[in-house]
Amino acid sequence: MTLKEIVKILNATVLNGSDMLDVEVRAGCGCDLMSDVLAFIKADAILLTGLTNTQVIRTAEVADIKAICFVRGKSPSQDVIDLAQEKEIPLIKSSLPLFEACGRLYQNGLQGCSEIE
């Protein structure tokens, strides 16, 4: 599934990386605990989270996460957006709660991280 499709499904706003919307995402992970993200996420996934600090970007870089979606309408600060831009990690935000955002993506065919190798 492309990031462009994800933006449409979640009725999301693109915060940065509008030139990277053709990126393919293989799976999704919804989590606010970055240690769990590192333990369970697979490469080429999108992370859906309510956390908006720079640690999310650093975690995404280490885990080879393709994009981050901030849920519940949360917006990161400009320094977080700038860091993501520097690391070439697209950021989007959705007003949907975490559970519903994950459910919509799953319902539309995006696999969970436990379903891919």
C-alpha atoms as a PDB file:
ATOM      1  CA  MET A   1       0.000   0.000   0.000  1.00  0.00           C
ATOM      2  CA  THR A   2       1.370   3.439  -0.809  1.00  0.00           C
ATOM      3  CA  LEU A   3       1.570   6.300   1.624  1.00  0.00           C
ATOM      4  CA  LYS A   4      -0.761   8.219  -0.694  1.00  0.00           C
ATOM      5  CA  GLU A   5      -3.410   5.528  -0.206  1.00  0.00           C
ATOM      6  CA  ILE A   6      -2.886   5.650   3.564  1.00  0.00           C
ATOM      7  CA  VAL A   7      -3.388   9.427   3.591  1.00  0.00           C
ATOM      8  CA  LYS A   8      -6.692   8.953   1.774  1.00  0.00           C
ATOM      9  CA  ILE A   9      -7.915   6.085   3.996  1.00  0.00           C
ATOM     10  CA  LEU A  10      -7.124   7.998   7.198  1.00  0.00           C
ATOM     11  CA  ASN A  11      -8.245  11.373   5.841  1.00  0.00           C
ATOM     12  CA  ALA A  12      -4.803  12.507   6.968  1.00  0.00           C
ATOM     13  CA  THR A  13      -2.812  15.681   6.542  1.00  0.00           C
ATOM     14  CA  VAL A  14       0.722  15.505   5.164  1.00  0.00           C
ATOM     15  CA  LEU A  15       3.144  17.334   7.479  1.00  0.00           C
ATOM     16  CA  ASN A  16       6.289  16.734   5.431  1.00  0.00           C
ATOM     17  CA  GLY A  17       7.464  14.469   2.649  1.00  0.00           C
ATOM     18  CA  SER A  18       4.708  15.272   0.172  1.00  0.00           C
ATOM     19  CA  ASP A  19       7.200  14.243  -2.515  1.00  0.00           C
ATOM     20  CA  MET A  20       7.435  10.750  -0.937  1.00  0.00           C
ATOM     21  CA  LEU A  21       3.772   9.708  -1.092  1.00  0.00           C
ATOM     22  CA  ASP A  22       4.535   6.947  -3.604  1.00  0.00           C
ATOM     23  CA  VAL A  23       6.568   5.078  -0.967  1.00  0.00           C
ATOM     24  CA  GLU A  24       5.369   1.484  -0.503  1.00  0.00           C
ATOM     25  CA  VAL A  25       4.476   0.463   3.052  1.00  0.00           C
ATOM     26  CA  ARG A  26       4.430  -3.279   3.779  1.00  0.00           C
ATOM     27  CA  ALA A  27       2.810  -3.295   7.231  1.00  0.00           C
ATOM     28  CA  GLY A  28       1.450  -1.159  10.034  1.00  0.00           C
ATOM     29  CA  CYS A  29       2.162  -0.877  13.738  1.00  0.00           C
ATOM     30  CA  GLY A  30       0.154   1.101  16.286  1.00  0.00           C
ATOM     31  CA  CYS A  31       2.125   1.815  19.441  1.00  0.00           C
ATOM     32  CA  ASP A  32       3.102   4.544  21.905  1.00  0.00           C
ATOM     33  CA  LEU A  33       5.873   2.607  23.646  1.00  0.00           C
ATOM     34  CA  MET A  34       9.058   2.965  21.605  1.00  0.00           C
ATOM     35  CA  SER A  35      10.705  -0.076  23.192  1.00  0.00           C
ATOM     36  CA  ASP A  36       7.808  -2.187  21.879  1.00  0.00           C
ATOM     37  CA  VAL A  37       8.186  -0.589  18.456  1.00  0.00           C
ATOM     38  CA  LEU A  38      11.841  -1.632  18.375  1.00  0.00           C
ATOM     39  CA  ALA A  39      10.931  -5.145  19.503  1.00  0.00           C
ATOM     40  CA  PHE A  40       8.020  -5.824  17.155  1.00  0.00           C
ATOM     41  CA  ILE A  41       7.966  -3.584  14.095  1.00  0.00           C
ATOM     42  CA  LYS A  42       9.218  -4.800  10.730  1.00  0.00           C
ATOM     43  CA  ALA A  43      11.158  -2.788   8.160  1.00  0.00           C
ATOM     44  CA  ASP A  44       9.142  -0.813   5.619  1.00  0.00           C
ATOM     45  CA  ALA A  45       6.195  -0.327   7.989  1.00  0.00           C
ATOM     46  CA  ILE A  46       4.241   2.742   8.995  1.00  0.00           C
ATOM     47  CA  LEU A  47       4.136   3.611  12.683  1.00  0.00           C
ATOM     48  CA  LEU A  48       0.903   5.014  14.057  1.00  0.00           C
ATOM     49  CA  THR A  49       1.405   6.757  17.398  1.00  0.00           C
ATOM     50  CA  GLY A  50       0.203   9.486  19.699  1.00  0.00           C
ATOM     51  CA  LEU A  51       3.741  10.419  20.733  1.00  0.00           C
ATOM     52  CA  THR A  52       5.069  13.543  19.060  1.00  0.00           C
ATOM     53  CA  ASN A  53       8.629  13.905  20.364  1.00  0.00           C
ATOM     54  CA  THR A  54      11.976  13.516  18.610  1.00  0.00           C
ATOM     55  CA  GLN A  55      12.413  10.023  20.066  1.00  0.00           C
ATOM     56  CA  VAL A  56       9.748   8.798  17.643  1.00  0.00           C
ATOM     57  CA  ILE A  57      11.860   9.999  14.721  1.00  0.00           C
ATOM     58  CA  ARG A  58      15.029   8.442  16.143  1.00  0.00           C
ATOM     59  CA  THR A  59      13.197   5.146  16.670  1.00  0.00           C
ATOM     60  CA  ALA A  60      11.855   5.250  13.113  1.00  0.00           C
ATOM     61  CA  GLU A  61      15.347   5.784  11.759  1.00  0.00           C
ATOM     62  CA  VAL A  62      16.800   2.827  13.689  1.00  0.00           C
ATOM     63  CA  ALA A  63      13.904   0.508  12.798  1.00  0.00           C
ATOM     64  CA  ASP A  64      13.768   1.442   9.091  1.00  0.00           C
ATOM     65  CA  ILE A  65      10.196   2.721   9.409  1.00  0.00           C
ATOM     66  CA  LYS A  66       8.932   4.212   6.140  1.00  0.00           C
ATOM     67  CA  ALA A  67       6.523   6.782   7.597  1.00  0.00           C
ATOM     68  CA  ILE A  68       4.895   7.982  10.807  1.00  0.00           C
ATOM     69  CA  CYS A  69       1.246   8.840  11.350  1.00  0.00           C
ATOM     70  CA  PHE A  70       0.361  10.877  14.417  1.00  0.00           C
ATOM     71  CA  VAL A  71      -3.148  10.002  15.596  1.00  0.00           C
ATOM     72  CA  ARG A  72      -5.816  11.742  17.681  1.00  0.00           C
ATOM     73  CA  GLY A  73      -5.116  14.986  15.805  1.00  0.00           C
ATOM     74  CA  LYS A  74      -1.790  15.459  17.558  1.00  0.00           C
ATOM     75  CA  SER A  75       0.785  17.673  15.892  1.00  0.00           C
ATOM     76  CA  PRO A  76       4.531  17.466  16.456  1.00  0.00           C
ATOM     77  CA  SER A  77       6.626  20.564  17.035  1.00  0.00           C
ATOM     78  CA  GLN A  78       8.605  22.102  14.195  1.00  0.00           C
ATOM     79  CA  ASP A  79      11.869  20.596  15.483  1.00  0.00           C
ATOM     80  CA  VAL A  80      10.335  17.112  15.165  1.00  0.00           C
ATOM     81  CA  ILE A  81       9.148  17.871  11.628  1.00  0.00           C
ATOM     82  CA  ASP A  82      12.584  19.254  10.735  1.00  0.00           C
ATOM     83  CA  LEU A  83      14.343  16.149  12.077  1.00  0.00           C
ATOM     84  CA  ALA A  84      11.999  13.885  10.115  1.00  0.00           C
ATOM     85  CA  GLN A  85      12.670  15.923   6.974  1.00  0.00           C
ATOM     86  CA  GLU A  86      16.419  15.574   7.553  1.00  0.00           C
ATOM     87  CA  LYS A  87      16.040  11.789   7.983  1.00  0.00           C
ATOM     88  CA  GLU A  88      13.669  11.580   4.982  1.00  0.00           C
ATOM     89  CA  ILE A  89      10.814  10.137   7.036  1.00  0.00           C
ATOM     90  CA  PRO A  90       7.387  11.341   5.883  1.00  0.00           C
ATOM     91  CA  LEU A  91       4.992  12.488   8.595  1.00  0.00           C
ATOM     92  CA  ILE A  92       1.217  12.567   8.427  1.00  0.00           C
ATOM     93  CA  LYS A  93      -1.468  13.189  11.013  1.00  0.00           C
ATOM     94  CA  SER A  94      -5.016  11.950  11.406  1.00  0.00           C
ATOM     95  CA  SER A  95      -7.789  12.977  13.758  1.00  0.00           C
ATOM     96  CA  LEU A  96      -8.728   9.299  14.193  1.00  0.00           C
ATOM     97  CA  PRO A  97      -7.922   7.494  17.445  1.00  0.00           C
ATOM     98  CA  LEU A  98      -5.137   4.894  17.246  1.00  0.00           C
ATOM     99  CA  PHE A  99      -7.450   1.870  17.311  1.00  0.00           C
ATOM    100  CA  GLU A 100      -9.701   3.145  14.551  1.00  0.00           C
ATOM    101  CA  ALA A 101      -6.796   4.287  12.333  1.00  0.00           C
ATOM    102  CA  CYS A 102      -5.157   0.860  12.585  1.00  0.00           C
ATOM    103  CA  GLY A 103      -8.489  -0.840  11.941  1.00  0.00           C
ATOM    104  CA  ARG A 104      -9.159   1.161   8.799  1.00  0.00           C
ATOM    105  CA  LEU A 105      -5.725   0.363   7.385  1.00  0.00           C
ATOM    106  CA  TYR A 106      -6.094  -3.330   8.209  1.00  0.00           C
ATOM    107  CA  GLN A 107      -9.576  -3.413   6.722  1.00  0.00           C
ATOM    108  CA  ASN A 108      -8.162  -1.939   3.511  1.00  0.00           C
ATOM    109  CA  GLY A 109      -5.481  -4.617   3.191  1.00  0.00           C
ATOM    110  CA  LEU A 110      -2.434  -3.369   5.110  1.00  0.00           C
ATOM    111  CA  GLN A 111      -0.950  -6.246   7.081  1.00  0.00           C
ATOM    112  CA  GLY A 112       0.131  -6.154  10.681  1.00  0.00           C
ATOM    113  CA  CYS A 113       3.795  -6.666  11.515  1.00  0.00           C
ATOM    114  CA  SER A 114       3.108 -10.149  12.902  1.00  0.00           C
ATOM    115  CA  GLU A 115       1.837 -11.228   9.486  1.00  0.00           C
ATOM    116  CA  ILE A 116       4.993 -10.526   7.483  1.00  0.00           C
ATOM    117  CA  GLU A 117       8.485 -11.935   7.661  1.00  0.00           C
END
